[in-house]
ModelCIF file with pLDDT and N, C-alpha, C, O atoms, coordinates in Angstrom:
data_MODEL
#
_entry.id   MODEL 
#
_entity.id                         1 
_entity.type                       polymer 
_entity.pdbx_number_of_molecules   1 
#
_entity_poly.entity_id                      1 
_entity_poly.type                           'polypeptide(L)' 
_entity_poly.nstd_linkage                   no 
_entity_poly.nstd_monomer                   no 
_entity_poly.pdbx_seq_one_letter_code       
;(UNK)(UNK)(UNK)(UNK)(UNK)(UNK)(UNK)(UNK)(UNK)(UNK)(UNK)(UNK)(UNK)(UNK)(UNK)(UNK)
(UNK)(UNK)(UNK)(UNK)(UNK)(UNK)(UNK)(UNK)(UNK)(UNK)(UNK)(UNK)(UNK)(UNK)(UNK)(UNK)
(UNK)(UNK)(UNK)(UNK)(UNK)(UNK)(UNK)(UNK)(UNK)(UNK)(UNK)(UNK)(UNK)(UNK)(UNK)
;
_entity_poly.pdbx_seq_one_letter_code_can   XXXXXXXXXXXXXXXXXXXXXXXXXXXXXXXXXXXXXXXXXXXXXXX 
_entity_poly.pdbx_strand_id                 A 
#
loop_
_entity_poly_seq.entity_id 
_entity_poly_seq.num 
_entity_poly_seq.mon_id 
_entity_poly_seq.hetero 
1 1  UNK n 
1 2  UNK n 
1 3  UNK n 
1 4  UNK n 
1 5  UNK n 
1 6  UNK n 
1 7  UNK n 
1 8  UNK n 
1 9  UNK n 
1 10 UNK n 
1 11 UNK n 
1 12 UNK n 
1 13 UNK n 
1 14 UNK n 
1 15 UNK n 
1 16 UNK n 
1 17 UNK n 
1 18 UNK n 
1 19 UNK n 
1 20 UNK n 
1 21 UNK n 
1 22 UNK n 
1 23 UNK n 
1 24 UNK n 
1 25 UNK n 
1 26 UNK n 
1 27 UNK n 
1 28 UNK n 
1 29 UNK n 
1 30 UNK n 
1 31 UNK n 
1 32 UNK n 
1 33 UNK n 
1 34 UNK n 
1 35 UNK n 
1 36 UNK n 
1 37 UNK n 
1 38 UNK n 
1 39 UNK n 
1 40 UNK n 
1 41 UNK n 
1 42 UNK n 
1 43 UNK n 
1 44 UNK n 
1 45 UNK n 
1 46 UNK n 
1 47 UNK n 
#
_struct_asym.id          A 
_struct_asym.entity_id   1 
#
loop_
_ma_qa_metric.id 
_ma_qa_metric.mode 
_ma_qa_metric.name 
_ma_qa_metric.software_group_id 
_ma_qa_metric.type 
1 global pLDDT . pLDDT 
2 local  pLDDT . pLDDT 
#
_ma_qa_metric_global.metric_id      1 
_ma_qa_metric_global.metric_value   90.49 
_ma_qa_metric_global.model_id       1 
_ma_qa_metric_global.ordinal_id     1 
#
loop_
_ma_qa_metric_local.label_asym_id 
_ma_qa_metric_local.label_comp_id 
_ma_qa_metric_local.label_seq_id 
_ma_qa_metric_local.metric_id 
_ma_qa_metric_local.metric_value 
_ma_qa_metric_local.model_id 
_ma_qa_metric_local.ordinal_id 
A UNK 1  2 63.00 1 1  
A UNK 2  2 64.00 1 2  
A UNK 3  2 68.00 1 3  
A UNK 4  2 86.00 1 4  
A UNK 5  2 90.00 1 5  
A UNK 6  2 92.00 1 6  
A UNK 7  2 92.00 1 7  
A UNK 8  2 93.00 1 8  
A UNK 9  2 95.00 1 9  
A UNK 10 2 95.00 1 10 
A UNK 11 2 93.00 1 11 
A UNK 12 2 94.00 1 12 
A UNK 13 2 95.00 1 13 
A UNK 14 2 95.00 1 14 
A UNK 15 2 95.00 1 15 
A UNK 16 2 96.00 1 16 
A UNK 17 2 96.00 1 17 
A UNK 18 2 96.00 1 18 
A UNK 19 2 96.00 1 19 
A UNK 20 2 96.00 1 20 
A UNK 21 2 95.00 1 21 
A UNK 22 2 93.00 1 22 
A UNK 23 2 91.00 1 23 
A UNK 24 2 93.00 1 24 
A UNK 25 2 89.00 1 25 
A UNK 26 2 84.00 1 26 
A UNK 27 2 82.00 1 27 
A UNK 28 2 82.00 1 28 
A UNK 29 2 82.00 1 29 
A UNK 30 2 88.00 1 30 
A UNK 31 2 89.00 1 31 
A UNK 32 2 92.00 1 32 
A UNK 33 2 94.00 1 33 
A UNK 34 2 92.00 1 34 
A UNK 35 2 92.00 1 35 
A UNK 36 2 93.00 1 36 
A UNK 37 2 93.00 1 37 
A UNK 38 2 92.00 1 38 
A UNK 39 2 93.00 1 39 
A UNK 40 2 94.00 1 40 
A UNK 41 2 94.00 1 41 
A UNK 42 2 94.00 1 42 
A UNK 43 2 94.00 1 43 
A UNK 44 2 95.00 1 44 
A UNK 45 2 94.00 1 45 
A UNK 46 2 94.00 1 46 
A UNK 47 2 95.00 1 47 
#
loop_
_atom_site.group_PDB 
_atom_site.id 
_atom_site.type_symbol 
_atom_site.label_atom_id 
_atom_site.label_alt_id 
_atom_site.label_comp_id 
_atom_site.label_asym_id 
_atom_site.label_entity_id 
_atom_site.label_seq_id 
_atom_site.pdbx_PDB_ins_code 
_atom_site.Cartn_x 
_atom_site.Cartn_y 
_atom_site.Cartn_z 
_atom_site.occupancy 
_atom_site.B_iso_or_equiv 
_atom_site.pdbx_formal_charge 
_atom_site.auth_seq_id 
_atom_site.auth_comp_id 
_atom_site.auth_asym_id 
_atom_site.auth_atom_id 
_atom_site.pdbx_PDB_model_num 
ATOM 1   N N  . UNK A 1 1  ? 0.824  -1.206  0.000  1.00 63.00 ? 1  UNK A N  1 
ATOM 2   C CA . UNK A 1 1  ? 0.000  0.000   0.000  1.00 63.00 ? 1  UNK A CA 1 
ATOM 3   C C  . UNK A 1 1  ? 0.859  1.257   0.000  1.00 63.00 ? 1  UNK A C  1 
ATOM 4   O O  . UNK A 1 1  ? 0.402  2.336   -0.378 1.00 63.00 ? 1  UNK A O  1 
ATOM 5   N N  . UNK A 1 2  ? 2.112  1.105   0.429  1.00 64.00 ? 2  UNK A N  1 
ATOM 6   C CA . UNK A 1 2  ? 3.060  2.216   0.451  1.00 64.00 ? 2  UNK A CA 1 
ATOM 7   C C  . UNK A 1 2  ? 4.350  1.773   -0.227 1.00 64.00 ? 2  UNK A C  1 
ATOM 8   O O  . UNK A 1 2  ? 4.500  0.608   -0.598 1.00 64.00 ? 2  UNK A O  1 
ATOM 9   N N  . UNK A 1 3  ? 5.282  2.714   -0.385 1.00 68.00 ? 3  UNK A N  1 
ATOM 10  C CA . UNK A 1 3  ? 6.547  2.406   -1.034 1.00 68.00 ? 3  UNK A CA 1 
ATOM 11  C C  . UNK A 1 3  ? 7.466  1.581   -0.150 1.00 68.00 ? 3  UNK A C  1 
ATOM 12  O O  . UNK A 1 3  ? 7.176  1.361   1.026  1.00 68.00 ? 3  UNK A O  1 
ATOM 13  N N  . UNK A 1 4  ? 8.579  1.125   -0.720 1.00 86.00 ? 4  UNK A N  1 
ATOM 14  C CA . UNK A 1 4  ? 9.542  0.303   0.003  1.00 86.00 ? 4  UNK A CA 1 
ATOM 15  C C  . UNK A 1 4  ? 10.387 1.176   0.927  1.00 86.00 ? 4  UNK A C  1 
ATOM 16  O O  . UNK A 1 4  ? 10.979 2.162   0.489  1.00 86.00 ? 4  UNK A O  1 
ATOM 17  N N  . UNK A 1 5  ? 10.439 0.809   2.208  1.00 90.00 ? 5  UNK A N  1 
ATOM 18  C CA . UNK A 1 5  ? 11.185 1.596   3.185  1.00 90.00 ? 5  UNK A CA 1 
ATOM 19  C C  . UNK A 1 5  ? 12.690 1.522   2.942  1.00 90.00 ? 5  UNK A C  1 
ATOM 20  O O  . UNK A 1 5  ? 13.406 2.484   3.221  1.00 90.00 ? 5  UNK A O  1 
ATOM 21  N N  . UNK A 1 6  ? 13.175 0.399   2.430  1.00 92.00 ? 6  UNK A N  1 
ATOM 22  C CA . UNK A 1 6  ? 14.601 0.279   2.134  1.00 92.00 ? 6  UNK A CA 1 
ATOM 23  C C  . UNK A 1 6  ? 15.048 1.372   1.171  1.00 92.00 ? 6  UNK A C  1 
ATOM 24  O O  . UNK A 1 6  ? 16.077 2.013   1.382  1.00 92.00 ? 6  UNK A O  1 
ATOM 25  N N  . UNK A 1 7  ? 14.273 1.577   0.123  1.00 92.00 ? 7  UNK A N  1 
ATOM 26  C CA . UNK A 1 7  ? 14.639 2.589   -0.867 1.00 92.00 ? 7  UNK A CA 1 
ATOM 27  C C  . UNK A 1 7  ? 14.599 3.980   -0.268 1.00 92.00 ? 7  UNK A C  1 
ATOM 28  O O  . UNK A 1 7  ? 15.419 4.828   -0.618 1.00 92.00 ? 7  UNK A O  1 
ATOM 29  N N  . UNK A 1 8  ? 13.659 4.226   0.627  1.00 93.00 ? 8  UNK A N  1 
ATOM 30  C CA . UNK A 1 8  ? 13.588 5.542   1.278  1.00 93.00 ? 8  UNK A CA 1 
ATOM 31  C C  . UNK A 1 8  ? 14.821 5.782   2.141  1.00 93.00 ? 8  UNK A C  1 
ATOM 32  O O  . UNK A 1 8  ? 15.361 6.889   2.154  1.00 93.00 ? 8  UNK A O  1 
ATOM 33  N N  . UNK A 1 9  ? 15.269 4.764   2.857  1.00 95.00 ? 9  UNK A N  1 
ATOM 34  C CA . UNK A 1 9  ? 16.460 4.891   3.702  1.00 95.00 ? 9  UNK A CA 1 
ATOM 35  C C  . UNK A 1 9  ? 17.706 5.104   2.853  1.00 95.00 ? 9  UNK A C  1 
ATOM 36  O O  . UNK A 1 9  ? 18.563 5.922   3.189  1.00 95.00 ? 9  UNK A O  1 
ATOM 37  N N  . UNK A 1 10 ? 17.801 4.370   1.762  1.00 95.00 ? 10 UNK A N  1 
ATOM 38  C CA . UNK A 1 10 ? 18.956 4.495   0.865  1.00 95.00 ? 10 UNK A CA 1 
ATOM 39  C C  . UNK A 1 10 ? 18.988 5.883   0.228  1.00 95.00 ? 10 UNK A C  1 
ATOM 40  O O  . UNK A 1 10 ? 20.033 6.533   0.187  1.00 95.00 ? 10 UNK A O  1 
ATOM 41  N N  . UNK A 1 11 ? 17.836 6.327   -0.268 1.00 93.00 ? 11 UNK A N  1 
ATOM 42  C CA . UNK A 1 11 ? 17.762 7.632   -0.934 1.00 93.00 ? 11 UNK A CA 1 
ATOM 43  C C  . UNK A 1 11 ? 18.095 8.777   0.013  1.00 93.00 ? 11 UNK A C  1 
ATOM 44  O O  . UNK A 1 11 ? 18.652 9.794   -0.401 1.00 93.00 ? 11 UNK A O  1 
ATOM 45  N N  . UNK A 1 12 ? 17.750 8.605   1.290  1.00 94.00 ? 12 UNK A N  1 
ATOM 46  C CA . UNK A 1 12 ? 18.001 9.669   2.271  1.00 94.00 ? 12 UNK A CA 1 
ATOM 47  C C  . UNK A 1 12 ? 19.461 9.713   2.713  1.00 94.00 ? 12 UNK A C  1 
ATOM 48  O O  . UNK A 1 12 ? 19.872 10.653  3.393  1.00 94.00 ? 12 UNK A O  1 
ATOM 49  N N  . UNK A 1 13 ? 20.243 8.712   2.335  1.00 95.00 ? 13 UNK A N  1 
ATOM 50  C CA . UNK A 1 13 ? 21.653 8.710   2.692  1.00 95.00 ? 13 UNK A CA 1 
ATOM 51  C C  . UNK A 1 13 ? 21.963 8.156   4.062  1.00 95.00 ? 13 UNK A C  1 
ATOM 52  O O  . UNK A 1 13 ? 23.038 8.407   4.605  1.00 95.00 ? 13 UNK A O  1 
ATOM 53  N N  . UNK A 1 14 ? 21.031 7.401   4.630  1.00 95.00 ? 14 UNK A N  1 
ATOM 54  C CA . UNK A 1 14 ? 21.293 6.753   5.926  1.00 95.00 ? 14 UNK A CA 1 
ATOM 55  C C  . UNK A 1 14 ? 22.474 5.804   5.746  1.00 95.00 ? 14 UNK A C  1 
ATOM 56  O O  . UNK A 1 14 ? 22.546 5.082   4.752  1.00 95.00 ? 14 UNK A O  1 
ATOM 57  N N  . UNK A 1 15 ? 23.407 5.804   6.713  1.00 95.00 ? 15 UNK A N  1 
ATOM 58  C CA . UNK A 1 15 ? 24.631 5.009   6.550  1.00 95.00 ? 15 UNK A CA 1 
ATOM 59  C C  . UNK A 1 15 ? 24.600 3.673   7.283  1.00 95.00 ? 15 UNK A C  1 
ATOM 60  O O  . UNK A 1 15 ? 25.341 2.755   6.933  1.00 95.00 ? 15 UNK A O  1 
ATOM 61  N N  . UNK A 1 16 ? 23.738 3.561   8.306  1.00 96.00 ? 16 UNK A N  1 
ATOM 62  C CA . UNK A 1 16 ? 23.706 2.334   9.113  1.00 96.00 ? 16 UNK A CA 1 
ATOM 63  C C  . UNK A 1 16 ? 22.276 2.053   9.533  1.00 96.00 ? 16 UNK A C  1 
ATOM 64  O O  . UNK A 1 16 ? 21.529 2.968   9.877  1.00 96.00 ? 16 UNK A O  1 
ATOM 65  N N  . UNK A 1 17 ? 21.902 0.788   9.504  1.00 96.00 ? 17 UNK A N  1 
ATOM 66  C CA . UNK A 1 17 ? 20.568 0.382   9.958  1.00 96.00 ? 17 UNK A CA 1 
ATOM 67  C C  . UNK A 1 17 ? 20.721 -0.719  10.990 1.00 96.00 ? 17 UNK A C  1 
ATOM 68  O O  . UNK A 1 17 ? 21.364 -1.740  10.743 1.00 96.00 ? 17 UNK A O  1 
ATOM 69  N N  . UNK A 1 18 ? 20.124 -0.496  12.145 1.00 96.00 ? 18 UNK A N  1 
ATOM 70  C CA . UNK A 1 18 ? 20.083 -1.509  13.200 1.00 96.00 ? 18 UNK A CA 1 
ATOM 71  C C  . UNK A 1 18 ? 18.623 -1.919  13.370 1.00 96.00 ? 18 UNK A C  1 
ATOM 72  O O  . UNK A 1 18 ? 17.782 -1.090  13.718 1.00 96.00 ? 18 UNK A O  1 
ATOM 73  N N  . UNK A 1 19 ? 18.322 -3.175  13.129 1.00 96.00 ? 19 UNK A N  1 
ATOM 74  C CA . UNK A 1 19 ? 16.950 -3.653  13.308 1.00 96.00 ? 19 UNK A CA 1 
ATOM 75  C C  . UNK A 1 19 ? 16.892 -4.596  14.501 1.00 96.00 ? 19 UNK A C  1 
ATOM 76  O O  . UNK A 1 19 ? 17.864 -5.278  14.825 1.00 96.00 ? 19 UNK A O  1 
ATOM 77  N N  . UNK A 1 20 ? 15.749 -4.619  15.136 1.00 96.00 ? 20 UNK A N  1 
ATOM 78  C CA . UNK A 1 20 ? 15.587 -5.522  16.278 1.00 96.00 ? 20 UNK A CA 1 
ATOM 79  C C  . UNK A 1 20 ? 15.440 -6.964  15.827 1.00 96.00 ? 20 UNK A C  1 
ATOM 80  O O  . UNK A 1 20 ? 15.920 -7.876  16.501 1.00 96.00 ? 20 UNK A O  1 
ATOM 81  N N  . UNK A 1 21 ? 14.777 -7.182  14.686 1.00 95.00 ? 21 UNK A N  1 
ATOM 82  C CA . UNK A 1 21 ? 14.498 -8.546  14.250 1.00 95.00 ? 21 UNK A CA 1 
ATOM 83  C C  . UNK A 1 21 ? 14.195 -8.583  12.765 1.00 95.00 ? 21 UNK A C  1 
ATOM 84  O O  . UNK A 1 21 ? 13.843 -7.571  12.158 1.00 95.00 ? 21 UNK A O  1 
ATOM 85  N N  . UNK A 1 22 ? 14.334 -9.744  12.204 1.00 93.00 ? 22 UNK A N  1 
ATOM 86  C CA . UNK A 1 22 ? 13.964 -9.969  10.812 1.00 93.00 ? 22 UNK A CA 1 
ATOM 87  C C  . UNK A 1 22 ? 12.450 -10.028 10.688 1.00 93.00 ? 22 UNK A C  1 
ATOM 88  O O  . UNK A 1 22 ? 11.765 -10.529 11.579 1.00 93.00 ? 22 UNK A O  1 
ATOM 89  N N  . UNK A 1 23 ? 11.932 -9.515  9.582  1.00 91.00 ? 23 UNK A N  1 
ATOM 90  C CA . UNK A 1 23 ? 10.494 -9.536  9.336  1.00 91.00 ? 23 UNK A CA 1 
ATOM 91  C C  . UNK A 1 23 ? 10.059 -10.958 8.987  1.00 91.00 ? 23 UNK A C  1 
ATOM 92  O O  . UNK A 1 23 ? 10.620 -11.554 8.068  1.00 91.00 ? 23 UNK A O  1 
ATOM 93  N N  . UNK A 1 24 ? 9.062  -11.524 9.703  1.00 93.00 ? 24 UNK A N  1 
ATOM 94  C CA . UNK A 1 24 ? 8.602  -12.882 9.388  1.00 93.00 ? 24 UNK A CA 1 
ATOM 95  C C  . UNK A 1 24 ? 7.757  -12.964 8.126  1.00 93.00 ? 24 UNK A C  1 
ATOM 96  O O  . UNK A 1 24 ? 7.459  -14.060 7.650  1.00 93.00 ? 24 UNK A O  1 
ATOM 97  N N  . UNK A 1 25 ? 7.367  -11.810 7.575  1.00 89.00 ? 25 UNK A N  1 
ATOM 98  C CA . UNK A 1 25 ? 6.579  -11.801 6.351  1.00 89.00 ? 25 UNK A CA 1 
ATOM 99  C C  . UNK A 1 25 ? 7.402  -12.398 5.213  1.00 89.00 ? 25 UNK A C  1 
ATOM 100 O O  . UNK A 1 25 ? 8.491  -11.899 4.929  1.00 89.00 ? 25 UNK A O  1 
ATOM 101 N N  . UNK A 1 26 ? 6.919  -13.445 4.555  1.00 84.00 ? 26 UNK A N  1 
ATOM 102 C CA . UNK A 1 26 ? 7.684  -14.077 3.467  1.00 84.00 ? 26 UNK A CA 1 
ATOM 103 C C  . UNK A 1 26 ? 8.072  -13.104 2.361  1.00 84.00 ? 26 UNK A C  1 
ATOM 104 O O  . UNK A 1 26 ? 9.042  -13.342 1.642  1.00 84.00 ? 26 UNK A O  1 
ATOM 105 N N  . UNK A 1 27 ? 7.318  -12.000 2.214  1.00 82.00 ? 27 UNK A N  1 
ATOM 106 C CA . UNK A 1 27 ? 7.662  -11.010 1.202  1.00 82.00 ? 27 UNK A CA 1 
ATOM 107 C C  . UNK A 1 27 ? 8.928  -10.246 1.561  1.00 82.00 ? 27 UNK A C  1 
ATOM 108 O O  . UNK A 1 27 ? 9.545  -9.624  0.696  1.00 82.00 ? 27 UNK A O  1 
ATOM 109 N N  . UNK A 1 28 ? 9.316  -10.288 2.824  1.00 82.00 ? 28 UNK A N  1 
ATOM 110 C CA . UNK A 1 28 ? 10.515 -9.584  3.286  1.00 82.00 ? 28 UNK A CA 1 
ATOM 111 C C  . UNK A 1 28 ? 11.544 -10.623 3.719  1.00 82.00 ? 28 UNK A C  1 
ATOM 112 O O  . UNK A 1 28 ? 12.460 -10.937 2.960  1.00 82.00 ? 28 UNK A O  1 
ATOM 113 N N  . UNK A 1 29 ? 11.404 -11.154 4.921  1.00 82.00 ? 29 UNK A N  1 
ATOM 114 C CA . UNK A 1 29 ? 12.191 -12.299 5.414  1.00 82.00 ? 29 UNK A CA 1 
ATOM 115 C C  . UNK A 1 29 ? 13.674 -12.247 5.054  1.00 82.00 ? 29 UNK A C  1 
ATOM 116 O O  . UNK A 1 29 ? 14.222 -13.213 4.522  1.00 82.00 ? 29 UNK A O  1 
ATOM 117 N N  . UNK A 1 30 ? 14.314 -11.129 5.340  1.00 88.00 ? 30 UNK A N  1 
ATOM 118 C CA . UNK A 1 30 ? 15.742 -10.995 5.071  1.00 88.00 ? 30 UNK A CA 1 
ATOM 119 C C  . UNK A 1 30 ? 16.062 -10.209 3.822  1.00 88.00 ? 30 UNK A C  1 
ATOM 120 O O  . UNK A 1 30 ? 17.184 -9.723  3.670  1.00 88.00 ? 30 UNK A O  1 
ATOM 121 N N  . UNK A 1 31 ? 15.097 -10.071 2.918  1.00 89.00 ? 31 UNK A N  1 
ATOM 122 C CA . UNK A 1 31 ? 15.343 -9.347  1.673  1.00 89.00 ? 31 UNK A CA 1 
ATOM 123 C C  . UNK A 1 31 ? 15.570 -7.861  1.923  1.00 89.00 ? 31 UNK A C  1 
ATOM 124 O O  . UNK A 1 31 ? 16.302 -7.213  1.176  1.00 89.00 ? 31 UNK A O  1 
ATOM 125 N N  . UNK A 1 32 ? 14.953 -7.319  2.963  1.00 92.00 ? 32 UNK A N  1 
ATOM 126 C CA . UNK A 1 32 ? 15.177 -5.911  3.291  1.00 92.00 ? 32 UNK A CA 1 
ATOM 127 C C  . UNK A 1 32 ? 16.603 -5.672  3.742  1.00 92.00 ? 32 UNK A C  1 
ATOM 128 O O  . UNK A 1 32 ? 17.263 -4.744  3.277  1.00 92.00 ? 32 UNK A O  1 
ATOM 129 N N  . UNK A 1 33 ? 17.075 -6.511  4.649  1.00 94.00 ? 33 UNK A N  1 
ATOM 130 C CA . UNK A 1 33 ? 18.465 -6.412  5.098  1.00 94.00 ? 33 UNK A CA 1 
ATOM 131 C C  . UNK A 1 33 ? 19.416 -6.573  3.917  1.00 94.00 ? 33 UNK A C  1 
ATOM 132 O O  . UNK A 1 33 ? 20.416 -5.863  3.811  1.00 94.00 ? 33 UNK A O  1 
ATOM 133 N N  . UNK A 1 34 ? 19.090 -7.519  3.027  1.00 92.00 ? 34 UNK A N  1 
ATOM 134 C CA . UNK A 1 34 ? 19.945 -7.782  1.873  1.00 92.00 ? 34 UNK A CA 1 
ATOM 135 C C  . UNK A 1 34 ? 20.034 -6.569  0.960  1.00 92.00 ? 34 UNK A C  1 
ATOM 136 O O  . UNK A 1 34 ? 21.113 -6.218  0.483  1.00 92.00 ? 34 UNK A O  1 
ATOM 137 N N  . UNK A 1 35 ? 18.904 -5.938  0.724  1.00 92.00 ? 35 UNK A N  1 
ATOM 138 C CA . UNK A 1 35 ? 18.902 -4.760  -0.163 1.00 92.00 ? 35 UNK A CA 1 
ATOM 139 C C  . UNK A 1 35 ? 19.721 -3.625  0.446  1.00 92.00 ? 35 UNK A C  1 
ATOM 140 O O  . UNK A 1 35 ? 20.463 -2.953  -0.271 1.00 92.00 ? 35 UNK A O  1 
ATOM 141 N N  . UNK A 1 36 ? 19.603 -3.401  1.732  1.00 93.00 ? 36 UNK A N  1 
ATOM 142 C CA . UNK A 1 36 ? 20.358 -2.333  2.388  1.00 93.00 ? 36 UNK A CA 1 
ATOM 143 C C  . UNK A 1 36 ? 21.856 -2.606  2.315  1.00 93.00 ? 36 UNK A C  1 
ATOM 144 O O  . UNK A 1 36 ? 22.646 -1.712  2.012  1.00 93.00 ? 36 UNK A O  1 
ATOM 145 N N  . UNK A 1 37 ? 22.237 -3.848  2.595  1.00 93.00 ? 37 UNK A N  1 
ATOM 146 C CA . UNK A 1 37 ? 23.653 -4.207  2.539  1.00 93.00 ? 37 UNK A CA 1 
ATOM 147 C C  . UNK A 1 37 ? 24.191 -4.104  1.113  1.00 93.00 ? 37 UNK A C  1 
ATOM 148 O O  . UNK A 1 37 ? 25.329 -3.687  0.901  1.00 93.00 ? 37 UNK A O  1 
ATOM 149 N N  . UNK A 1 38 ? 23.381 -4.479  0.158  1.00 92.00 ? 38 UNK A N  1 
ATOM 150 C CA . UNK A 1 38 ? 23.766 -4.400  -1.253 1.00 92.00 ? 38 UNK A CA 1 
ATOM 151 C C  . UNK A 1 38 ? 24.050 -2.957  -1.658 1.00 92.00 ? 38 UNK A C  1 
ATOM 152 O O  . UNK A 1 38 ? 24.908 -2.689  -2.500 1.00 92.00 ? 38 UNK A O  1 
ATOM 153 N N  . UNK A 1 39 ? 23.303 -2.020  -1.033 1.00 93.00 ? 39 UNK A N  1 
ATOM 154 C CA . UNK A 1 39 ? 23.479 -0.598  -1.344 1.00 93.00 ? 39 UNK A CA 1 
ATOM 155 C C  . UNK A 1 39 ? 24.641 0.025   -0.575 1.00 93.00 ? 39 UNK A C  1 
ATOM 156 O O  . UNK A 1 39 ? 24.926 1.213   -0.732 1.00 93.00 ? 39 UNK A O  1 
ATOM 157 N N  . UNK A 1 40 ? 25.309 -0.770  0.253  1.00 94.00 ? 40 UNK A N  1 
ATOM 158 C CA . UNK A 1 40 ? 26.481 -0.275  0.952  1.00 94.00 ? 40 UNK A CA 1 
ATOM 159 C C  . UNK A 1 40 ? 26.254 0.180   2.376  1.00 94.00 ? 40 UNK A C  1 
ATOM 160 O O  . UNK A 1 40 ? 27.182 0.671   3.019  1.00 94.00 ? 40 UNK A O  1 
ATOM 161 N N  . UNK A 1 41 ? 25.036 0.030   2.888  1.00 94.00 ? 41 UNK A N  1 
ATOM 162 C CA . UNK A 1 41 ? 24.772 0.422   4.270  1.00 94.00 ? 41 UNK A CA 1 
ATOM 163 C C  . UNK A 1 41 ? 25.310 -0.643  5.219  1.00 94.00 ? 41 UNK A C  1 
ATOM 164 O O  . UNK A 1 41 ? 25.339 -1.827  4.881  1.00 94.00 ? 41 UNK A O  1 
ATOM 165 N N  . UNK A 1 42 ? 25.729 -0.225  6.394  1.00 94.00 ? 42 UNK A N  1 
ATOM 166 C CA . UNK A 1 42 ? 26.103 -1.164  7.442  1.00 94.00 ? 42 UNK A CA 1 
ATOM 167 C C  . UNK A 1 42 ? 24.812 -1.652  8.083  1.00 94.00 ? 42 UNK A C  1 
ATOM 168 O O  . UNK A 1 42 ? 23.986 -0.842  8.502  1.00 94.00 ? 42 UNK A O  1 
ATOM 169 N N  . UNK A 1 43 ? 24.631 -2.953  8.164  1.00 94.00 ? 43 UNK A N  1 
ATOM 170 C CA . UNK A 1 43 ? 23.377 -3.526  8.668  1.00 94.00 ? 43 UNK A CA 1 
ATOM 171 C C  . UNK A 1 43 ? 23.668 -4.468  9.827  1.00 94.00 ? 43 UNK A C  1 
ATOM 172 O O  . UNK A 1 43 ? 24.543 -5.328  9.740  1.00 94.00 ? 43 UNK A O  1 
ATOM 173 N N  . UNK A 1 44 ? 22.927 -4.295  10.905 1.00 95.00 ? 44 UNK A N  1 
ATOM 174 C CA . UNK A 1 44 ? 23.035 -5.191  12.060 1.00 95.00 ? 44 UNK A CA 1 
ATOM 175 C C  . UNK A 1 44 ? 21.628 -5.485  12.564 1.00 95.00 ? 44 UNK A C  1 
ATOM 176 O O  . UNK A 1 44 ? 20.745 -4.631  12.497 1.00 95.00 ? 44 UNK A O  1 
ATOM 177 N N  . UNK A 1 45 ? 21.428 -6.687  13.064 1.00 94.00 ? 45 UNK A N  1 
ATOM 178 C CA . UNK A 1 45 ? 20.094 -7.082  13.515 1.00 94.00 ? 45 UNK A CA 1 
ATOM 179 C C  . UNK A 1 45 ? 20.187 -7.903  14.790 1.00 94.00 ? 45 UNK A C  1 
ATOM 180 O O  . UNK A 1 45 ? 21.220 -8.505  15.083 1.00 94.00 ? 45 UNK A O  1 
ATOM 181 N N  . UNK A 1 46 ? 19.083 -7.920  15.550 1.00 94.00 ? 46 UNK A N  1 
ATOM 182 C CA . UNK A 1 46 ? 19.028 -8.747  16.756 1.00 94.00 ? 46 UNK A CA 1 
ATOM 183 C C  . UNK A 1 46 ? 19.088 -7.975  18.053 1.00 94.00 ? 46 UNK A C  1 
ATOM 184 O O  . UNK A 1 46 ? 19.170 -8.579  19.122 1.00 94.00 ? 46 UNK A O  1 
ATOM 185 N N  . UNK A 1 47 ? 19.049 -6.655  17.989 1.00 95.00 ? 47 UNK A N  1 
ATOM 186 C CA . UNK A 1 47 ? 19.110 -5.832  19.199 1.00 95.00 ? 47 UNK A CA 1 
ATOM 187 C C  . UNK A 1 47 ? 17.723 -5.720  19.832 1.00 95.00 ? 47 UNK A C  1 
ATOM 188 O O  . UNK A 1 47 ? 17.566 -5.066  20.863 1.00 95.00 ? 47 UNK A O  1 
#
């Protein structure tokens, strides 16, 4: 219903993303983290 948040973070120039957990939605399920890392952002999860 809305745009992809990964692209918004990348476009804004965010350099690091820390997520608490992976999204259990099969449409995401790690693909968000993968896209951010692919774009050069530092990504950490599990906090």
